[in-house]
PDB file of N, CA and C in Angstrom:
ATOM      1  N   MET A   1       0.836  -1.163   0.000  1.00  0.00           N
ATOM      2  CA  MET A   1       0.000   0.000   0.000  1.00  0.00           C
ATOM      3  C   MET A   1       0.890   1.238   0.000  1.00  0.00           C
ATOM      4  N   GLN A   2       0.577   2.154  -0.852  1.00  0.00           N
ATOM      5  CA  GLN A   2       1.329   3.401  -0.900  1.00  0.00           C
ATOM      6  C   GLN A   2       0.733   4.411   0.068  1.00  0.00           C
ATOM      7  N   PHE A   3       1.564   5.271   0.579  1.00  0.00           N
ATOM      8  CA  PHE A   3       1.096   6.360   1.430  1.00  0.00           C
ATOM      9  C   PHE A   3       2.026   7.539   1.238  1.00  0.00           C
ATOM     10  N   LEU A   4       1.552   8.685   1.687  1.00  0.00           N
ATOM     11  CA  LEU A   4       2.328   9.904   1.573  1.00  0.00           C
ATOM     12  C   LEU A   4       2.595  10.436   2.967  1.00  0.00           C
ATOM     13  N   ARG A   5       3.852  10.775   3.247  1.00  0.00           N
ATOM     14  CA  ARG A   5       4.239  11.294   4.557  1.00  0.00           C
ATOM     15  C   ARG A   5       5.043  12.570   4.348  1.00  0.00           C
ATOM     16  N   ARG A   6       4.569  13.643   4.965  1.00  0.00           N
ATOM     17  CA  ARG A   6       5.256  14.926   4.840  1.00  0.00           C
ATOM     18  C   ARG A   6       5.269  15.642   6.186  1.00  0.00           C
ATOM     19  N   ILE A   7       6.345  16.368   6.431  1.00  0.00           N
ATOM     20  CA  ILE A   7       6.429  17.265   7.573  1.00  0.00           C
ATOM     21  C   ILE A   7       6.127  18.662   7.023  1.00  0.00           C
ATOM     22  N   ILE A   8       5.071  19.284   7.535  1.00  0.00           N
ATOM     23  CA  ILE A   8       4.669  20.597   7.048  1.00  0.00           C
ATOM     24  C   ILE A   8       4.405  21.514   8.234  1.00  0.00           C
ATOM     25  N   HIS A   9       4.275  22.786   7.962  1.00  0.00           N
ATOM     26  CA  HIS A   9       3.929  23.736   9.019  1.00  0.00           C
ATOM     27  C   HIS A   9       2.409  23.771   9.124  1.00  0.00           C
ATOM     28  N   SER A  10       1.896  23.710  10.330  1.00  0.00           N
ATOM     29  CA  SER A  10       0.450  23.624  10.541  1.00  0.00           C
ATOM     30  C   SER A  10      -0.305  24.828   9.983  1.00  0.00           C
ATOM     31  N   ASP A  11       0.355  25.968   9.868  1.00  0.00           N
ATOM     32  CA  ASP A  11      -0.306  27.148   9.298  1.00  0.00           C
ATOM     33  C   ASP A  11      -0.697  26.910   7.834  1.00  0.00           C
ATOM     34  N   ASP A  12       0.019  26.011   7.148  1.00  0.00           N
ATOM     35  CA  ASP A  12      -0.261  25.739   5.735  1.00  0.00           C
ATOM     36  C   ASP A  12      -1.572  24.974   5.526  1.00  0.00           C
ATOM     37  N   ILE A  13      -2.042  24.274   6.538  1.00  0.00           N
ATOM     38  CA  ILE A  13      -3.277  23.495   6.383  1.00  0.00           C
ATOM     39  C   ILE A  13      -4.401  23.986   7.281  1.00  0.00           C
ATOM     40  N   GLU A  14      -4.171  25.075   7.981  1.00  0.00           N
ATOM     41  CA  GLU A  14      -5.134  25.566   8.971  1.00  0.00           C
ATOM     42  C   GLU A  14      -6.483  25.927   8.351  1.00  0.00           C
ATOM     43  N   LYS A  15      -6.489  26.392   7.122  1.00  0.00           N
ATOM     44  CA  LYS A  15      -7.757  26.759   6.482  1.00  0.00           C
ATOM     45  C   LYS A  15      -8.584  25.543   6.098  1.00  0.00           C
ATOM     46  N   GLY A  16      -7.950  24.433   5.835  1.00  0.00           N
ATOM     47  CA  GLY A  16      -8.658  23.234   5.403  1.00  0.00           C
ATOM     48  C   GLY A  16      -8.954  22.245   6.513  1.00  0.00           C
ATOM     49  N   ILE A  17      -8.147  22.247   7.557  1.00  0.00           N
ATOM     50  CA  ILE A  17      -8.296  21.289   8.659  1.00  0.00           C
ATOM     51  C   ILE A  17      -8.238  22.045   9.971  1.00  0.00           C
ATOM     52  N   LYS A  18      -9.261  21.864  10.797  1.00  0.00           N
ATOM     53  CA  LYS A  18      -9.272  22.519  12.105  1.00  0.00           C
ATOM     54  C   LYS A  18      -8.348  21.749  13.041  1.00  0.00           C
ATOM     55  N   LEU A  19      -7.374  22.450  13.582  1.00  0.00           N
ATOM     56  CA  LEU A  19      -6.379  21.830  14.451  1.00  0.00           C
ATOM     57  C   LEU A  19      -6.580  22.268  15.898  1.00  0.00           C
ATOM     58  N   PRO A  20      -6.224  21.409  16.852  1.00  0.00           N
ATOM     59  CA  PRO A  20      -6.242  21.830  18.246  1.00  0.00           C
ATOM     60  C   PRO A  20      -5.168  22.887  18.493  1.00  0.00           C
ATOM     61  N   ARG A  21      -5.366  23.683  19.514  1.00  0.00           N
ATOM     62  CA  ARG A  21      -4.410  24.751  19.828  1.00  0.00           C
ATOM     63  C   ARG A  21      -2.983  24.239  19.976  1.00  0.00           C
ATOM     64  N   SER A  22      -2.847  23.055  20.554  1.00  0.00           N
ATOM     65  CA  SER A  22      -1.506  22.517  20.813  1.00  0.00           C
ATOM     66  C   SER A  22      -0.732  22.229  19.531  1.00  0.00           C
ATOM     67  N   MET A  23      -1.413  22.170  18.387  1.00  0.00           N
ATOM     68  CA  MET A  23      -0.733  21.896  17.114  1.00  0.00           C
ATOM     69  C   MET A  23      -0.564  23.133  16.251  1.00  0.00           C
ATOM     70  N   LYS A  24      -1.114  24.240  16.663  1.00  0.00           N
ATOM     71  CA  LYS A  24      -1.022  25.452  15.846  1.00  0.00           C
ATOM     72  C   LYS A  24       0.382  26.051  15.914  1.00  0.00           C
ATOM     73  N   HIS A  25       0.799  26.605  14.772  1.00  0.00           N
ATOM     74  CA  HIS A  25       2.084  27.303  14.630  1.00  0.00           C
ATOM     75  C   HIS A  25       3.280  26.391  14.926  1.00  0.00           C
ATOM     76  N   LYS A  26       3.152  25.128  14.512  1.00  0.00           N
ATOM     77  CA  LYS A  26       4.228  24.150  14.709  1.00  0.00           C
ATOM     78  C   LYS A  26       4.380  23.303  13.454  1.00  0.00           C
ATOM     79  N   ASN A  27       5.497  22.624  13.358  1.00  0.00           N
ATOM     80  CA  ASN A  27       5.651  21.609  12.326  1.00  0.00           C
ATOM     81  C   ASN A  27       4.857  20.381  12.747  1.00  0.00           C
ATOM     82  N   VAL A  28       4.135  19.793  11.788  1.00  0.00           N
ATOM     83  CA  VAL A  28       3.338  18.595  12.057  1.00  0.00           C
ATOM     84  C   VAL A  28       3.602  17.569  10.956  1.00  0.00           C
ATOM     85  N   GLU A  29       3.304  16.341  11.276  1.00  0.00           N
ATOM     86  CA  GLU A  29       3.452  15.266  10.299  1.00  0.00           C
ATOM     87  C   GLU A  29       2.101  15.018   9.655  1.00  0.00           C
ATOM     88  N   LEU A  30       2.061  14.990   8.335  1.00  0.00           N
ATOM     89  CA  LEU A  30       0.851  14.745   7.580  1.00  0.00           C
ATOM     90  C   LEU A  30       0.979  13.379   6.913  1.00  0.00           C
ATOM     91  N   LEU A  31       0.034  12.494   7.191  1.00  0.00           N
ATOM     92  CA  LEU A  31      -0.005  11.165   6.571  1.00  0.00           C
ATOM     93  C   LEU A  31      -1.255  11.061   5.721  1.00  0.00           C
ATOM     94  N   ILE A  32      -1.095  10.636   4.490  1.00  0.00           N
ATOM     95  CA  ILE A  32      -2.234  10.382   3.615  1.00  0.00           C
ATOM     96  C   ILE A  32      -2.179   8.914   3.240  1.00  0.00           C
ATOM     97  N   ILE A  33      -3.205   8.191   3.683  1.00  0.00           N
ATOM     98  CA  ILE A  33      -3.269   6.749   3.474  1.00  0.00           C
ATOM     99  C   ILE A  33      -4.573   6.431   2.756  1.00  0.00           C
ATOM    100  N   PRO A  34      -4.528   5.699   1.638  1.00  0.00           N
ATOM    101  CA  PRO A  34      -5.767   5.380   0.932  1.00  0.00           C
ATOM    102  C   PRO A  34      -6.640   4.440   1.772  1.00  0.00           C
ATOM    103  N   VAL A  35      -7.923   4.652   1.699  1.00  0.00           N
ATOM    104  CA  VAL A  35      -8.875   3.803   2.411  1.00  0.00           C
ATOM    105  C   VAL A  35      -9.324   2.721   1.443  1.00  0.00           C
ATOM    106  N   GLU A  36      -9.113   1.494   1.838  1.00  0.00           N
ATOM    107  CA  GLU A  36      -9.549   0.379   1.017  1.00  0.00           C
ATOM    108  C   GLU A  36     -11.062   0.260   1.122  1.00  0.00           C
ATOM    109  N   GLU A  37     -11.727  -0.012   0.031  1.00  0.00           N
ATOM    110  CA  GLU A  37     -13.196  -0.081   0.006  1.00  0.00           C
ATOM    111  C   GLU A  37     -13.732  -1.100   1.002  1.00  0.00           C
ATOM    112  N   GLN A  38     -13.133  -2.273   1.077  1.00  0.00           N
ATOM    113  CA  GLN A  38     -13.597  -3.309   1.994  1.00  0.00           C
ATOM    114  C   GLN A  38     -13.431  -2.869   3.451  1.00  0.00           C
ATOM    115  N   THR A  39     -12.342  -2.203   3.760  1.00  0.00           N
ATOM    116  CA  THR A  39     -12.105  -1.712   5.110  1.00  0.00           C
ATOM    117  C   THR A  39     -13.155  -0.675   5.487  1.00  0.00           C
ATOM    118  N   ALA A  40     -13.455   0.214   4.582  1.00  0.00           N
ATOM    119  CA  ALA A  40     -14.443   1.256   4.865  1.00  0.00           C
ATOM    120  C   ALA A  40     -15.808   0.640   5.145  1.00  0.00           C
ATOM    121  N   LYS A  41     -16.204  -0.377   4.403  1.00  0.00           N
ATOM    122  CA  LYS A  41     -17.495  -1.017   4.621  1.00  0.00           C
ATOM    123  C   LYS A  41     -17.535  -1.738   5.958  1.00  0.00           C
ATOM    124  N   SER A  42     -16.441  -2.380   6.351  1.00  0.00           N
ATOM    125  CA  SER A  42     -16.425  -3.127   7.603  1.00  0.00           C
ATOM    126  C   SER A  42     -16.467  -2.207   8.811  1.00  0.00           C
ATOM    127  N   GLN A  43     -16.107  -0.940   8.656  1.00  0.00           N
ATOM    128  CA  GLN A  43     -16.116  -0.007   9.766  1.00  0.00           C
ATOM    129  C   GLN A  43     -17.458   0.704   9.923  1.00  0.00           C
ATOM    130  N   LEU A  44     -18.428   0.386   9.073  1.00  0.00           N
ATOM    131  CA  LEU A  44     -19.722   1.061   9.151  1.00  0.00           C
ATOM    132  C   LEU A  44     -20.479   0.705  10.417  1.00  0.00           C
ATOM    133  N   GLY A  45     -20.260  -0.461  10.946  1.00  0.00           N
ATOM    134  CA  GLY A  45     -20.947  -0.794  12.171  1.00  0.00           C
ATOM    135  C   GLY A  45     -21.064  -2.283  12.393  1.00  0.00           C
ATOM    136  N   PHE A  46     -21.790  -2.593  13.420  1.00  0.00           N
ATOM    137  CA  PHE A  46     -21.984  -3.958  13.854  1.00  0.00           C
ATOM    138  C   PHE A  46     -23.075  -4.624  13.018  1.00  0.00           C
ATOM    139  N   ASP A  47     -22.828  -5.829  12.534  1.00  0.00           N
ATOM    140  CA  ASP A  47     -23.810  -6.576  11.763  1.00  0.00           C
ATOM    141  C   ASP A  47     -24.198  -7.823  12.550  1.00  0.00           C
ATOM    142  N   PRO A  48     -25.327  -7.782  13.283  1.00  0.00           N
ATOM    143  CA  PRO A  48     -25.709  -8.917  14.118  1.00  0.00           C
ATOM    144  C   PRO A  48     -25.984 -10.184  13.313  1.00  0.00           C
ATOM    145  N   ASP A  49     -26.384 -10.050  12.063  1.00  0.00           N
ATOM    146  CA  ASP A  49     -26.656 -11.234  11.242  1.00  0.00           C
ATOM    147  C   ASP A  49     -25.412 -12.088  11.037  1.00  0.00           C
ATOM    148  N   SER A  50     -24.247 -11.485  11.112  1.00  0.00           N
ATOM    149  CA  SER A  50     -23.020 -12.246  10.907  1.00  0.00           C
ATOM    150  C   SER A  50     -22.746 -13.212  12.064  1.00  0.00           C
ATOM    151  N   PHE A  51     -23.445 -13.046  13.195  1.00  0.00           N
ATOM    152  CA  PHE A  51     -23.251 -13.919  14.348  1.00  0.00           C
ATOM    153  C   PHE A  51     -24.374 -14.953  14.504  1.00  0.00           C
ATOM    154  N   ALA A  52     -25.322 -14.964  13.594  1.00  0.00           N
ATOM    155  CA  ALA A  52     -26.453 -15.897  13.685  1.00  0.00           C
ATOM    156  C   ALA A  52     -25.962 -17.336  13.711  1.00  0.00           C
ATOM    157  N   GLY A  53     -26.415 -18.086  14.697  1.00  0.00           N
ATOM    158  CA  GLY A  53     -26.065 -19.493  14.811  1.00  0.00           C
ATOM    159  C   GLY A  53     -24.723 -19.773  15.445  1.00  0.00           C
ATOM    160  N   SER A  54     -24.014 -18.776  15.891  1.00  0.00           N
ATOM    161  CA  SER A  54     -22.690 -19.001  16.464  1.00  0.00           C
ATOM    162  C   SER A  54     -22.741 -19.429  17.932  1.00  0.00           C
ATOM    163  N   LEU A  55     -23.854 -19.206  18.600  1.00  0.00           N
ATOM    164  CA  LEU A  55     -23.998 -19.585  20.004  1.00  0.00           C
ATOM    165  C   LEU A  55     -24.723 -20.923  20.085  1.00  0.00           C
ATOM    166  N   LYS A  56     -24.095 -21.900  20.688  1.00  0.00           N
ATOM    167  CA  LYS A  56     -24.683 -23.241  20.799  1.00  0.00           C
ATOM    168  C   LYS A  56     -25.049 -23.518  22.253  1.00  0.00           C
ATOM    169  N   VAL A  57     -26.259 -23.130  22.643  1.00  0.00           N
ATOM    170  CA  VAL A  57     -26.744 -23.362  23.995  1.00  0.00           C
ATOM    171  C   VAL A  57     -28.027 -24.179  23.873  1.00  0.00           C
ATOM    172  N   LYS A  58     -28.070 -25.309  24.588  1.00  0.00           N
ATOM    173  CA  LYS A  58     -29.225 -26.201  24.465  1.00  0.00           C
ATOM    174  C   LYS A  58     -30.469 -25.609  25.120  1.00  0.00           C
ATOM    175  N   ASN A  59     -30.329 -25.087  26.326  1.00  0.00           N
ATOM    176  CA  ASN A  59     -31.475 -24.526  27.032  1.00  0.00           C
ATOM    177  C   ASN A  59     -31.124 -23.100  27.442  1.00  0.00           C
ATOM    178  N   LEU A  60     -31.438 -22.153  26.575  1.00  0.00           N
ATOM    179  CA  LEU A  60     -31.036 -20.772  26.778  1.00  0.00           C
ATOM    180  C   LEU A  60     -31.654 -20.171  28.035  1.00  0.00           C
ATOM    181  N   GLU A  61     -32.925 -20.391  28.271  1.00  0.00           N
ATOM    182  CA  GLU A  61     -33.590 -19.820  29.450  1.00  0.00           C
ATOM    183  C   GLU A  61     -32.951 -20.320  30.749  1.00  0.00           C
ATOM    184  N   LYS A  62     -32.653 -21.605  30.815  1.00  0.00           N
ATOM    185  CA  LYS A  62     -32.016 -22.169  32.001  1.00  0.00           C
ATOM    186  C   LYS A  62     -30.624 -21.554  32.200  1.00  0.00           C
ATOM    187  N   GLU A  63     -29.891 -21.420  31.123  1.00  0.00           N
ATOM    188  CA  GLU A  63     -28.546 -20.852  31.178  1.00  0.00           C
ATOM    189  C   GLU A  63     -28.585 -19.387  31.643  1.00  0.00           C
ATOM    190  N   LEU A  64     -29.541 -18.613  31.120  1.00  0.00           N
ATOM    191  CA  LEU A  64     -29.673 -17.213  31.526  1.00  0.00           C
ATOM    192  C   LEU A  64     -30.064 -17.091  32.993  1.00  0.00           C
ATOM    193  N   THR A  65     -30.966 -17.939  33.447  1.00  0.00           N
ATOM    194  CA  THR A  65     -31.373 -17.923  34.851  1.00  0.00           C
ATOM    195  C   THR A  65     -30.178 -18.223  35.749  1.00  0.00           C
ATOM    196  N   MET A  66     -29.370 -19.175  35.370  1.00  0.00           N
ATOM    197  CA  MET A  66     -28.192 -19.536  36.148  1.00  0.00           C
ATOM    198  C   MET A  66     -27.179 -18.375  36.198  1.00  0.00           C
ATOM    199  N   ILE A  67     -26.968 -17.738  35.063  1.00  0.00           N
ATOM    200  CA  ILE A  67     -26.020 -16.620  35.012  1.00  0.00           C
ATOM    201  C   ILE A  67     -26.531 -15.460  35.859  1.00  0.00           C
ATOM    202  N   ARG A  68     -27.824 -15.165  35.749  1.00  0.00           N
ATOM    203  CA  ARG A  68     -28.390 -14.039  36.500  1.00  0.00           C
ATOM    204  C   ARG A  68     -28.361 -14.283  38.003  1.00  0.00           C
ATOM    205  N   SER A  69     -28.478 -15.531  38.417  1.00  0.00           N
ATOM    206  CA  SER A  69     -28.467 -15.834  39.844  1.00  0.00           C
ATOM    207  C   SER A  69     -27.058 -15.660  40.445  1.00  0.00           C
ATOM    208  N   GLU A  70     -26.040 -15.622  39.603  1.00  0.00           N
ATOM    209  CA  GLU A  70     -24.676 -15.434  40.075  1.00  0.00           C
ATOM    210  C   GLU A  70     -24.348 -13.956  40.317  1.00  0.00           C
ATOM    211  N   TRP A  71     -25.159 -13.038  39.839  1.00  0.00           N
ATOM    212  CA  TRP A  71     -24.901 -11.614  40.003  1.00  0.00           C
ATOM    213  C   TRP A  71     -24.981 -11.216  41.456  1.00  0.00           C
ATOM    214  N   ASP A  72     -24.125 -10.327  41.834  1.00  0.00           N
ATOM    215  CA  ASP A  72     -24.145  -9.762  43.179  1.00  0.00           C
ATOM    216  C   ASP A  72     -25.169  -8.630  43.178  1.00  0.00           C
ATOM    217  N   ARG A  73     -26.220  -8.731  43.960  1.00  0.00           N
ATOM    218  CA  ARG A  73     -27.304  -7.752  43.935  1.00  0.00           C
ATOM    219  C   ARG A  73     -27.287  -6.874  45.183  1.00  0.00           C
ATOM    220  N   ARG A  74     -26.238  -6.146  45.362  1.00  0.00           N
ATOM    221  CA  ARG A  74     -26.150  -5.232  46.514  1.00  0.00           C
ATOM    222  C   ARG A  74     -26.740  -3.898  46.200  1.00  0.00           C
TER     223      ARG A  74
END
């Protein structure tokens, strides 16, 4: 994967990118990294359908009751 790395003065990008005060009027490192399409899609959020069938519990209600009874209820 190709990327671009440059050391620039923060004043040069201040109009395009809002910087925190601690970075103003200093040299900063600028990294430009391409976003892969598949990576961008996977970061959109949680997909519960992808976990369907992954839990193998014979008696779910019994298991939940047992887990809940272990909680400390102070």
